Amino acid sequence: MRAPLARRGRRSRLSSKVLLHTFGLSIVVLLLVLLAVRLVSNGSGRRLDKALAAGKSPVAPEFSLARLNGEGQLRLASLRGKAVVLNFWASWCVPCKQEAPLLEAAAKRFRSMGLVVVGIDSQDFRSDARRFIKRYGLTYPIVRDGGSSTPTHYDVTGFPETWFVDRSGHVVGEHVQGPLTREGLLRNIAIAMKR
């Protein structure tokens, strides 16, 4: 009697292991499929980058997002008449921590000349983002993208990423993927402000 029970126990353990391995493999395959879909859609859908490369200035995609360091919502359309720096970031992003003081300095320096820096926090916890704002003393408007399509409309694939919008609401200059340099920031602010 003991031998058949032992065999059933071994078969059950073997069956559980096969099930776990199959489940794990399924998760890996699903993640790879999602990654491939994302890469294919970004490769064909980089509308803003393609327009800039062709020498065009497309209209900046509109958004209305909740403020993290203020009340209510911020609509991009409400900033028409001002040059805008749109910086996509997250509190866990190391380069975002490095460029935060640079963005704050630019916001203060050019505010009186009609420049607005807007930080768009994404893929982050609200509490972590607020700690980040306080730690770096950020005074420019910070909004939270809590799962809307704003990063998709701006073809954001990682953090940080920065776009520049002129006074008429068109994307101009360079799309900076990765951390900003002081020179790059000043060069693109000049482009956005003179249009």
N, C-alpha and C. Protein backbone atom coordinates (compact mmCIF):
# COMPACT_ATOMS: atom_id res chain seq x y z
N MET A 1 0.81 -1.19 0.00
CA MET A 1 0.00 0.00 0.00
C MET A 1 0.86 1.26 0.00
N ARG A 2 2.02 1.22 0.66
CA ARG A 2 2.82 2.42 0.75
C ARG A 2 3.43 2.83 -0.58
N ALA A 3 3.85 1.89 -1.38
CA ALA A 3 4.49 2.20 -2.65
C ALA A 3 3.57 3.02 -3.56
N PRO A 4 2.29 2.66 -3.76
CA PRO A 4 1.43 3.48 -4.63
C PRO A 4 1.22 4.88 -4.07
N LEU A 5 1.12 5.04 -2.75
CA LEU A 5 0.94 6.38 -2.17
C LEU A 5 2.17 7.24 -2.40
N ALA A 6 3.36 6.64 -2.25
CA ALA A 6 4.59 7.38 -2.47
C ALA A 6 4.69 7.84 -3.92
N ARG A 7 4.28 6.92 -4.86
CA ARG A 7 4.33 7.28 -6.27
C ARG A 7 3.36 8.43 -6.57
N ARG A 8 2.17 8.37 -5.97
CA ARG A 8 1.20 9.45 -6.17
C ARG A 8 1.73 10.77 -5.63
N GLY A 9 2.42 10.75 -4.48
CA GLY A 9 2.99 11.96 -3.90
C GLY A 9 4.07 12.55 -4.80
N ARG A 10 4.91 11.63 -5.37
CA ARG A 10 5.96 12.11 -6.30
C ARG A 10 5.34 12.70 -7.55
N ARG A 11 4.31 12.03 -8.08
CA ARG A 11 3.63 12.54 -9.27
C ARG A 11 3.00 13.89 -8.98
N SER A 12 2.44 14.05 -7.80
CA SER A 12 1.80 15.32 -7.43
C SER A 12 2.83 16.45 -7.35
N ARG A 13 3.99 16.15 -6.73
CA ARG A 13 5.06 17.16 -6.64
C ARG A 13 5.59 17.50 -8.02
N LEU A 14 5.77 16.47 -8.86
CA LEU A 14 6.25 16.68 -10.22
C LEU A 14 5.24 17.51 -11.01
N SER A 15 3.99 17.20 -10.84
CA SER A 15 2.92 17.94 -11.52
C SER A 15 2.90 19.41 -11.06
N SER A 16 3.10 19.65 -9.77
CA SER A 16 3.15 21.03 -9.25
C SER A 16 4.33 21.79 -9.82
N LYS A 17 5.49 21.13 -9.92
CA LYS A 17 6.67 21.78 -10.48
C LYS A 17 6.46 22.14 -11.94
N VAL A 18 5.87 21.22 -12.70
CA VAL A 18 5.60 21.48 -14.12
C VAL A 18 4.64 22.66 -14.25
N LEU A 19 3.63 22.68 -13.40
CA LEU A 19 2.66 23.78 -13.44
C LEU A 19 3.33 25.11 -13.13
N LEU A 20 4.19 25.15 -12.11
CA LEU A 20 4.90 26.37 -11.75
C LEU A 20 5.83 26.83 -12.87
N HIS A 21 6.56 25.90 -13.47
CA HIS A 21 7.45 26.25 -14.56
C HIS A 21 6.65 26.77 -15.76
N THR A 22 5.53 26.14 -16.06
CA THR A 22 4.69 26.58 -17.17
C THR A 22 4.14 27.98 -16.90
N PHE A 23 3.70 28.21 -15.67
CA PHE A 23 3.19 29.53 -15.30
C PHE A 23 4.29 30.59 -15.44
N GLY A 24 5.49 30.28 -14.92
CA GLY A 24 6.61 31.23 -15.02
C GLY A 24 6.98 31.52 -16.46
N LEU A 25 7.02 30.49 -17.27
CA LEU A 25 7.33 30.66 -18.69
C LEU A 25 6.25 31.50 -19.39
N SER A 26 5.00 31.28 -19.02
CA SER A 26 3.90 32.07 -19.60
C SER A 26 4.04 33.55 -19.27
N ILE A 27 4.42 33.86 -18.05
CA ILE A 27 4.62 35.25 -17.63
C ILE A 27 5.75 35.88 -18.45
N VAL A 28 6.86 35.17 -18.60
CA VAL A 28 8.00 35.69 -19.38
C VAL A 28 7.58 35.94 -20.82
N VAL A 29 6.86 35.00 -21.43
CA VAL A 29 6.40 35.16 -22.81
C VAL A 29 5.46 36.36 -22.92
N LEU A 30 4.55 36.52 -21.98
CA LEU A 30 3.63 37.65 -21.99
C LEU A 30 4.39 38.98 -21.90
N LEU A 31 5.38 39.05 -21.02
CA LEU A 31 6.18 40.28 -20.89
C LEU A 31 6.94 40.58 -22.18
N LEU A 32 7.48 39.55 -22.81
CA LEU A 32 8.19 39.76 -24.08
C LEU A 32 7.25 40.24 -25.18
N VAL A 33 6.04 39.69 -25.22
CA VAL A 33 5.05 40.14 -26.21
C VAL A 33 4.69 41.60 -25.96
N LEU A 34 4.46 41.97 -24.70
CA LEU A 34 4.12 43.36 -24.38
C LEU A 34 5.26 44.30 -24.75
N LEU A 35 6.49 43.89 -24.48
CA LEU A 35 7.66 44.70 -24.85
C LEU A 35 7.74 44.86 -26.37
N ALA A 36 7.53 43.79 -27.10
CA ALA A 36 7.58 43.86 -28.57
C ALA A 36 6.50 44.79 -29.11
N VAL A 37 5.29 44.70 -28.56
CA VAL A 37 4.20 45.58 -29.00
C VAL A 37 4.57 47.03 -28.73
N ARG A 38 5.13 47.30 -27.55
CA ARG A 38 5.53 48.67 -27.20
C ARG A 38 6.61 49.20 -28.15
N LEU A 39 7.60 48.35 -28.44
CA LEU A 39 8.68 48.77 -29.34
C LEU A 39 8.16 49.02 -30.75
N VAL A 40 7.29 48.15 -31.23
CA VAL A 40 6.74 48.32 -32.58
C VAL A 40 5.89 49.57 -32.64
N SER A 41 5.04 49.79 -31.63
CA SER A 41 4.17 50.97 -31.66
C SER A 41 4.98 52.25 -31.53
N ASN A 42 6.05 52.24 -30.72
CA ASN A 42 6.88 53.43 -30.61
C ASN A 42 7.68 53.67 -31.88
N GLY A 43 8.12 52.60 -32.52
CA GLY A 43 8.87 52.74 -33.75
C GLY A 43 8.04 53.36 -34.85
N SER A 44 6.76 53.04 -34.89
CA SER A 44 5.92 53.58 -35.96
C SER A 44 5.16 54.81 -35.52
N GLY A 45 5.12 55.08 -34.23
CA GLY A 45 4.28 56.17 -33.76
C GLY A 45 5.03 57.36 -33.19
N ARG A 46 6.24 57.57 -33.58
CA ARG A 46 7.02 58.68 -33.05
C ARG A 46 6.72 59.94 -33.85
N ARG A 47 5.45 60.27 -33.85
CA ARG A 47 4.93 61.39 -34.64
C ARG A 47 5.64 62.70 -34.36
N LEU A 48 5.82 63.05 -33.11
CA LEU A 48 6.44 64.33 -32.78
C LEU A 48 7.90 64.37 -33.20
N ASP A 49 8.63 63.29 -32.93
CA ASP A 49 10.04 63.23 -33.33
C ASP A 49 10.18 63.32 -34.85
N LYS A 50 9.31 62.61 -35.56
CA LYS A 50 9.37 62.62 -37.03
C LYS A 50 9.10 64.02 -37.57
N ALA A 51 8.12 64.69 -36.98
CA ALA A 51 7.79 66.05 -37.43
C ALA A 51 8.96 67.00 -37.18
N LEU A 52 9.57 66.92 -36.01
CA LEU A 52 10.72 67.78 -35.71
C LEU A 52 11.87 67.50 -36.66
N ALA A 53 12.12 66.22 -36.94
CA ALA A 53 13.21 65.85 -37.84
C ALA A 53 12.96 66.39 -39.25
N ALA A 54 11.68 66.54 -39.62
CA ALA A 54 11.33 67.06 -40.95
C ALA A 54 11.28 68.58 -40.97
N GLY A 55 11.66 69.20 -39.85
CA GLY A 55 11.68 70.66 -39.79
C GLY A 55 10.33 71.29 -39.49
N LYS A 56 9.38 70.49 -39.05
CA LYS A 56 8.04 70.98 -38.73
C LYS A 56 7.93 71.23 -37.22
N SER A 57 6.90 71.97 -36.85
CA SER A 57 6.60 72.23 -35.44
C SER A 57 5.16 71.80 -35.16
N PRO A 58 4.95 70.54 -34.78
CA PRO A 58 3.59 70.07 -34.55
C PRO A 58 2.97 70.71 -33.31
N VAL A 59 1.65 70.72 -33.28
CA VAL A 59 0.94 71.22 -32.10
C VAL A 59 1.21 70.26 -30.94
N ALA A 60 1.54 70.81 -29.78
CA ALA A 60 1.80 69.99 -28.60
C ALA A 60 0.50 69.32 -28.15
N PRO A 61 0.53 68.01 -27.89
CA PRO A 61 -0.67 67.32 -27.42
C PRO A 61 -1.20 67.94 -26.11
N GLU A 62 -2.48 68.20 -26.07
CA GLU A 62 -3.13 68.83 -24.91
C GLU A 62 -3.19 67.84 -23.75
N PHE A 63 -3.15 68.37 -22.54
CA PHE A 63 -3.39 67.56 -21.34
C PHE A 63 -4.00 68.45 -20.27
N SER A 64 -4.66 67.81 -19.35
CA SER A 64 -5.17 68.45 -18.15
C SER A 64 -4.90 67.48 -17.01
N LEU A 65 -3.97 67.84 -16.13
CA LEU A 65 -3.53 66.92 -15.08
C LEU A 65 -3.58 67.59 -13.71
N ALA A 66 -3.76 66.77 -12.69
CA ALA A 66 -3.84 67.26 -11.32
C ALA A 66 -2.48 67.77 -10.86
N ARG A 67 -2.50 68.93 -10.19
CA ARG A 67 -1.27 69.51 -9.65
C ARG A 67 -0.84 68.76 -8.40
N LEU A 68 0.46 68.58 -8.26
CA LEU A 68 1.01 67.96 -7.05
C LEU A 68 1.45 69.02 -6.05
N ASN A 69 1.88 70.17 -6.54
CA ASN A 69 2.33 71.24 -5.65
C ASN A 69 1.43 72.46 -5.79
N GLY A 70 0.15 72.19 -5.81
CA GLY A 70 -0.84 73.25 -5.92
C GLY A 70 -2.22 72.62 -5.97
N GLU A 71 -3.21 73.45 -6.17
CA GLU A 71 -4.59 72.97 -6.20
C GLU A 71 -5.09 72.86 -7.64
N GLY A 72 -6.04 71.97 -7.85
CA GLY A 72 -6.72 71.87 -9.13
C GLY A 72 -5.91 71.19 -10.21
N GLN A 73 -6.30 71.52 -11.42
CA GLN A 73 -5.71 70.93 -12.62
C GLN A 73 -4.88 71.97 -13.36
N LEU A 74 -3.92 71.49 -14.13
CA LEU A 74 -3.17 72.37 -15.03
C LEU A 74 -3.42 71.88 -16.44
N ARG A 75 -3.91 72.78 -17.28
CA ARG A 75 -4.11 72.48 -18.70
C ARG A 75 -2.99 73.14 -19.48
N LEU A 76 -2.43 72.40 -20.43
CA LEU A 76 -1.38 72.97 -21.26
C LEU A 76 -1.91 74.20 -22.00
N ALA A 77 -3.15 74.16 -22.45
CA ALA A 77 -3.74 75.28 -23.19
C ALA A 77 -3.74 76.57 -22.37
N SER A 78 -3.77 76.45 -21.05
CA SER A 78 -3.78 77.64 -20.19
C SER A 78 -2.44 78.37 -20.21
N LEU A 79 -1.42 77.74 -20.77
CA LEU A 79 -0.09 78.34 -20.81
C LEU A 79 0.22 78.98 -22.17
N ARG A 80 -0.79 79.01 -23.06
CA ARG A 80 -0.59 79.64 -24.37
C ARG A 80 -0.11 81.06 -24.18
N GLY A 81 0.86 81.49 -24.96
CA GLY A 81 1.46 82.81 -24.81
C GLY A 81 2.76 82.77 -24.02
N LYS A 82 3.04 81.60 -23.43
CA LYS A 82 4.29 81.41 -22.69
C LYS A 82 5.08 80.27 -23.35
N ALA A 83 6.38 80.33 -23.24
CA ALA A 83 7.21 79.20 -23.66
C ALA A 83 7.17 78.17 -22.53
N VAL A 84 7.17 76.89 -22.88
CA VAL A 84 7.01 75.84 -21.88
C VAL A 84 8.08 74.76 -22.04
N VAL A 85 8.64 74.36 -20.91
CA VAL A 85 9.53 73.20 -20.86
C VAL A 85 8.72 72.09 -20.20
N LEU A 86 8.48 70.98 -20.92
CA LEU A 86 7.74 69.84 -20.37
C LEU A 86 8.75 68.75 -20.01
N ASN A 87 8.87 68.47 -18.73
CA ASN A 87 9.85 67.50 -18.25
C ASN A 87 9.13 66.32 -17.61
N PHE A 88 9.24 65.14 -18.23
CA PHE A 88 8.64 63.91 -17.70
C PHE A 88 9.67 63.26 -16.77
N TRP A 89 9.23 62.94 -15.54
CA TRP A 89 10.15 62.43 -14.54
C TRP A 89 9.44 61.50 -13.56
N ALA A 90 10.24 60.87 -12.70
CA ALA A 90 9.72 60.05 -11.59
C ALA A 90 10.71 60.16 -10.43
N SER A 91 10.22 60.03 -9.23
CA SER A 91 11.08 60.23 -8.05
C SER A 91 12.18 59.18 -7.92
N TRP A 92 11.99 58.01 -8.49
CA TRP A 92 12.97 56.93 -8.39
C TRP A 92 14.06 57.03 -9.47
N CYS A 93 13.92 57.97 -10.37
CA CYS A 93 14.83 58.12 -11.50
C CYS A 93 16.07 58.92 -11.09
N VAL A 94 17.25 58.30 -11.14
CA VAL A 94 18.48 58.95 -10.70
C VAL A 94 18.81 60.19 -11.53
N PRO A 95 18.77 60.14 -12.88
CA PRO A 95 19.06 61.35 -13.65
C PRO A 95 18.05 62.48 -13.37
N CYS A 96 16.83 62.12 -13.00
CA CYS A 96 15.82 63.14 -12.67
C CYS A 96 16.26 63.93 -11.44
N LYS A 97 16.88 63.24 -10.50
CA LYS A 97 17.39 63.91 -9.29
C LYS A 97 18.52 64.87 -9.64
N GLN A 98 19.33 64.48 -10.61
CA GLN A 98 20.46 65.31 -11.01
C GLN A 98 20.02 66.57 -11.76
N GLU A 99 18.94 66.46 -12.56
CA GLU A 99 18.54 67.62 -13.36
C GLU A 99 17.51 68.52 -12.66
N ALA A 100 16.95 68.08 -11.55
CA ALA A 100 15.94 68.89 -10.86
C ALA A 100 16.45 70.29 -10.49
N PRO A 101 17.66 70.43 -9.93
CA PRO A 101 18.15 71.78 -9.62
C PRO A 101 18.34 72.64 -10.87
N LEU A 102 18.73 72.03 -11.97
CA LEU A 102 18.91 72.74 -13.24
C LEU A 102 17.58 73.30 -13.74
N LEU A 103 16.54 72.49 -13.65
CA LEU A 103 15.20 72.93 -14.07
C LEU A 103 14.67 74.03 -13.16
N GLU A 104 14.89 73.90 -11.86
CA GLU A 104 14.44 74.93 -10.91
C GLU A 104 15.14 76.25 -11.19
N ALA A 105 16.44 76.20 -11.44
CA ALA A 105 17.20 77.42 -11.72
C ALA A 105 16.68 78.09 -13.00
N ALA A 106 16.40 77.30 -14.03
CA ALA A 106 15.88 77.85 -15.29
C ALA A 106 14.49 78.44 -15.08
N ALA A 107 13.66 77.76 -14.31
CA ALA A 107 12.30 78.27 -14.05
C ALA A 107 12.36 79.63 -13.38
N LYS A 108 13.24 79.79 -12.40
CA LYS A 108 13.36 81.08 -11.70
C LYS A 108 13.97 82.15 -12.59
N ARG A 109 15.00 81.78 -13.34
CA ARG A 109 15.72 82.75 -14.17
C ARG A 109 14.85 83.32 -15.29
N PHE A 110 14.03 82.48 -15.92
CA PHE A 110 13.28 82.90 -17.11
C PHE A 110 11.80 83.15 -16.86
N ARG A 111 11.34 82.98 -15.62
CA ARG A 111 9.91 83.16 -15.30
C ARG A 111 9.41 84.53 -15.74
N SER A 112 10.15 85.58 -15.44
CA SER A 112 9.71 86.94 -15.77
C SER A 112 9.72 87.21 -17.27
N MET A 113 10.38 86.34 -18.03
CA MET A 113 10.43 86.50 -19.49
C MET A 113 9.38 85.64 -20.20
N GLY A 114 8.52 85.00 -19.42
CA GLY A 114 7.43 84.23 -20.02
C GLY A 114 7.71 82.76 -20.22
N LEU A 115 8.59 82.17 -19.42
CA LEU A 115 8.86 80.73 -19.50
C LEU A 115 8.21 80.03 -18.32
N VAL A 116 7.61 78.88 -18.59
CA VAL A 116 7.06 78.03 -17.54
C VAL A 116 7.66 76.64 -17.68
N VAL A 117 8.27 76.15 -16.64
CA VAL A 117 8.72 74.76 -16.59
C VAL A 117 7.58 73.97 -15.95
N VAL A 118 7.22 72.87 -16.58
CA VAL A 118 6.18 71.99 -16.04
C VAL A 118 6.77 70.60 -15.88
N GLY A 119 6.75 70.10 -14.66
CA GLY A 119 7.19 68.74 -14.39
C GLY A 119 5.99 67.81 -14.44
N ILE A 120 6.12 66.71 -15.19
CA ILE A 120 5.03 65.74 -15.29
C ILE A 120 5.53 64.44 -14.65
N ASP A 121 5.07 64.20 -13.42
CA ASP A 121 5.44 63.00 -12.67
C ASP A 121 4.61 61.83 -13.17
N SER A 122 5.26 60.72 -13.45
CA SER A 122 4.56 59.56 -14.00
C SER A 122 5.15 58.28 -13.44
N GLN A 123 4.36 57.23 -13.43
CA GLN A 123 4.78 55.91 -12.93
C GLN A 123 5.44 56.02 -11.56
N ASP A 124 4.72 56.66 -10.65
CA ASP A 124 5.29 57.01 -9.36
C ASP A 124 4.19 57.00 -8.31
N PHE A 125 4.58 56.94 -7.05
CA PHE A 125 3.65 57.11 -5.96
C PHE A 125 3.54 58.61 -5.65
N ARG A 126 2.34 59.07 -5.41
CA ARG A 126 2.10 60.49 -5.11
C ARG A 126 2.95 60.96 -3.92
N SER A 127 3.02 60.14 -2.88
CA SER A 127 3.79 60.53 -1.69
C SER A 127 5.29 60.65 -1.99
N ASP A 128 5.82 59.74 -2.81
CA ASP A 128 7.24 59.82 -3.20
C ASP A 128 7.50 61.07 -4.03
N ALA A 129 6.57 61.38 -4.93
CA ALA A 129 6.73 62.57 -5.77
C ALA A 129 6.72 63.84 -4.92
N ARG A 130 5.83 63.89 -3.94
CA ARG A 130 5.77 65.08 -3.07
C ARG A 130 7.05 65.23 -2.24
N ARG A 131 7.62 64.11 -1.78
CA ARG A 131 8.89 64.17 -1.05
C ARG A 131 10.01 64.69 -1.97
N PHE A 132 9.99 64.25 -3.21
CA PHE A 132 10.98 64.69 -4.20
C PHE A 132 10.87 66.21 -4.41
N ILE A 133 9.66 66.71 -4.57
CA ILE A 133 9.42 68.14 -4.77
C ILE A 133 9.96 68.94 -3.59
N LYS A 134 9.68 68.46 -2.38
CA LYS A 134 10.14 69.15 -1.17
C LYS A 134 11.66 69.08 -1.05
N ARG A 135 12.22 67.90 -1.29
CA ARG A 135 13.68 67.71 -1.14
C ARG A 135 14.46 68.65 -2.05
N TYR A 136 13.98 68.83 -3.30
CA TYR A 136 14.71 69.65 -4.26
C TYR A 136 14.18 71.08 -4.34
N GLY A 137 13.23 71.42 -3.49
CA GLY A 137 12.72 72.79 -3.43
C GLY A 137 12.12 73.27 -4.74
N LEU A 138 11.37 72.41 -5.41
CA LEU A 138 10.83 72.75 -6.71
C LEU A 138 9.60 73.66 -6.57
N THR A 139 9.66 74.79 -7.25
CA THR A 139 8.56 75.77 -7.16
C THR A 139 7.77 75.87 -8.46
N TYR A 140 8.30 75.31 -9.53
CA TYR A 140 7.54 75.35 -10.80
C TYR A 140 6.40 74.34 -10.74
N PRO A 141 5.39 74.49 -11.61
CA PRO A 141 4.23 73.59 -11.55
C PRO A 141 4.62 72.13 -11.80
N ILE A 142 4.14 71.28 -10.92
CA ILE A 142 4.34 69.84 -11.05
C ILE A 142 2.96 69.20 -11.11
N VAL A 143 2.74 68.39 -12.13
CA VAL A 143 1.47 67.68 -12.27
C VAL A 143 1.74 66.18 -12.22
N ARG A 144 0.69 65.44 -11.97
CA ARG A 144 0.83 63.99 -11.86
C ARG A 144 0.02 63.31 -12.94
N ASP A 145 0.69 62.47 -13.69
CA ASP A 145 0.00 61.64 -14.68
C ASP A 145 -0.27 60.31 -14.00
N GLY A 146 -1.47 60.15 -13.53
CA GLY A 146 -1.82 58.94 -12.81
C GLY A 146 -2.37 57.85 -13.70
N GLY A 147 -1.78 57.66 -14.85
CA GLY A 147 -2.24 56.60 -15.73
C GLY A 147 -2.97 57.11 -16.96
N SER A 148 -2.95 58.41 -17.20
CA SER A 148 -3.58 58.89 -18.42
C SER A 148 -2.65 58.64 -19.59
N SER A 149 -2.98 59.14 -20.75
CA SER A 149 -2.20 58.85 -21.94
C SER A 149 -1.19 59.94 -22.29
N THR A 150 -0.93 60.87 -21.38
CA THR A 150 -0.01 61.96 -21.69
C THR A 150 1.37 61.47 -22.12
N PRO A 151 2.02 60.55 -21.37
CA PRO A 151 3.33 60.09 -21.83
C PRO A 151 3.27 59.44 -23.22
N THR A 152 2.19 58.73 -23.51
CA THR A 152 2.04 58.10 -24.82
C THR A 152 1.94 59.15 -25.92
N HIS A 153 1.16 60.21 -25.68
CA HIS A 153 1.02 61.27 -26.68
C HIS A 153 2.34 61.98 -26.96
N TYR A 154 3.22 61.98 -25.97
CA TYR A 154 4.53 62.61 -26.13
C TYR A 154 5.63 61.58 -26.42
N ASP A 155 5.23 60.35 -26.74
CA ASP A 155 6.19 59.31 -27.12
C ASP A 155 7.25 59.05 -26.06
N VAL A 156 6.88 59.17 -24.80
CA VAL A 156 7.84 58.98 -23.70
C VAL A 156 8.12 57.49 -23.54
N THR A 157 9.40 57.15 -23.54
CA THR A 157 9.79 55.75 -23.38
C THR A 157 10.61 55.52 -22.11
N GLY A 158 11.02 56.59 -21.44
CA GLY A 158 11.80 56.46 -20.22
C GLY A 158 11.87 57.80 -19.51
N PHE A 159 12.60 57.83 -18.42
CA PHE A 159 12.71 59.06 -17.65
C PHE A 159 14.17 59.40 -17.44
N PRO A 160 14.52 60.66 -17.46
CA PRO A 160 13.69 61.80 -17.81
C PRO A 160 13.61 61.99 -19.33
N GLU A 161 12.58 62.68 -19.75
CA GLU A 161 12.45 63.11 -21.14
C GLU A 161 11.89 64.53 -21.12
N THR A 162 12.36 65.35 -22.03
CA THR A 162 11.97 66.76 -22.04
C THR A 162 11.61 67.22 -23.43
N TRP A 163 10.51 67.98 -23.51
CA TRP A 163 10.04 68.61 -24.75
C TRP A 163 9.96 70.11 -24.52
N PHE A 164 10.01 70.86 -25.60
CA PHE A 164 9.93 72.32 -25.54
C PHE A 164 8.77 72.78 -26.41
N VAL A 165 7.98 73.71 -25.86
CA VAL A 165 6.78 74.19 -26.54
C VAL A 165 6.89 75.71 -26.66
N ASP A 166 6.61 76.23 -27.86
CA ASP A 166 6.71 77.68 -28.05
C ASP A 166 5.44 78.38 -27.57
N ARG A 167 5.41 79.69 -27.69
CA ARG A 167 4.31 80.50 -27.15
C ARG A 167 2.98 80.23 -27.85
N SER A 168 3.03 79.69 -29.07
CA SER A 168 1.79 79.40 -29.79
C SER A 168 1.32 77.96 -29.59
N GLY A 169 2.04 77.19 -28.75
CA GLY A 169 1.61 75.82 -28.43
C GLY A 169 2.15 74.76 -29.36
N HIS A 170 3.26 75.05 -30.05
CA HIS A 170 3.87 74.08 -30.95
C HIS A 170 5.17 73.53 -30.35
N VAL A 171 5.40 72.25 -30.61
CA VAL A 171 6.63 71.60 -30.16
C VAL A 171 7.77 72.10 -31.04
N VAL A 172 8.86 72.53 -30.39
CA VAL A 172 10.02 73.06 -31.10
C VAL A 172 11.31 72.53 -30.48
N GLY A 173 12.42 72.82 -31.12
CA GLY A 173 13.71 72.44 -30.55
C GLY A 173 13.95 70.95 -30.61
N GLU A 174 14.56 70.44 -29.56
CA GLU A 174 14.93 69.03 -29.50
C GLU A 174 14.07 68.27 -28.50
N HIS A 175 13.88 67.00 -28.77
CA HIS A 175 13.29 66.09 -27.80
C HIS A 175 14.48 65.47 -27.07
N VAL A 176 14.64 65.81 -25.80
CA VAL A 176 15.79 65.33 -25.04
C VAL A 176 15.39 64.07 -24.27
N GLN A 177 15.97 62.96 -24.67
CA GLN A 177 15.74 61.69 -23.99
C GLN A 177 16.95 61.45 -23.09
N GLY A 178 16.71 61.46 -21.80
CA GLY A 178 17.80 61.35 -20.84
C GLY A 178 18.00 62.69 -20.16
N PRO A 179 19.03 62.79 -19.33
CA PRO A 179 19.22 64.01 -18.55
C PRO A 179 19.59 65.21 -19.42
N LEU A 180 19.10 66.36 -19.00
CA LEU A 180 19.42 67.62 -19.67
C LEU A 180 20.82 68.08 -19.29
N THR A 181 21.44 68.77 -20.23
CA THR A 181 22.66 69.51 -19.90
C THR A 181 22.25 70.98 -19.80
N ARG A 182 23.05 71.76 -19.12
CA ARG A 182 22.76 73.19 -19.00
C ARG A 182 22.71 73.83 -20.38
N GLU A 183 23.69 73.50 -21.21
CA GLU A 183 23.76 74.09 -22.56
C GLU A 183 22.55 73.70 -23.40
N GLY A 184 22.18 72.43 -23.36
CA GLY A 184 21.03 71.96 -24.13
C GLY A 184 19.74 72.60 -23.66
N LEU A 185 19.60 72.75 -22.36
CA LEU A 185 18.40 73.38 -21.81
C LEU A 185 18.31 74.83 -22.26
N LEU A 186 19.40 75.57 -22.13
CA LEU A 186 19.40 76.99 -22.52
C LEU A 186 19.17 77.17 -24.01
N ARG A 187 19.78 76.32 -24.81
CA ARG A 187 19.60 76.39 -26.27
C ARG A 187 18.13 76.19 -26.67
N ASN A 188 17.49 75.20 -26.08
CA ASN A 188 16.09 74.90 -26.42
C ASN A 188 15.11 75.91 -25.82
N ILE A 189 15.44 76.45 -24.66
CA ILE A 189 14.61 77.52 -24.10
C ILE A 189 14.64 78.73 -25.03
N ALA A 190 15.81 79.05 -25.56
CA ALA A 190 15.94 80.20 -26.48
C ALA A 190 15.08 79.98 -27.71
N ILE A 191 15.07 78.77 -28.24
CA ILE A 191 14.24 78.45 -29.42
C ILE A 191 12.77 78.62 -29.09
N ALA A 192 12.34 78.09 -27.95
CA ALA A 192 10.93 78.16 -27.56
C ALA A 192 10.48 79.59 -27.28
N MET A 193 11.37 80.40 -26.72
CA MET A 193 10.99 81.77 -26.35
C MET A 193 10.96 82.73 -27.51
N LYS A 194 11.72 82.47 -28.56
CA LYS A 194 11.77 83.44 -29.66
C LYS A 194 10.68 83.21 -30.69
N ARG A 195 9.97 82.14 -30.62
CA ARG A 195 8.90 81.88 -31.60
C ARG A 195 7.61 82.52 -31.17
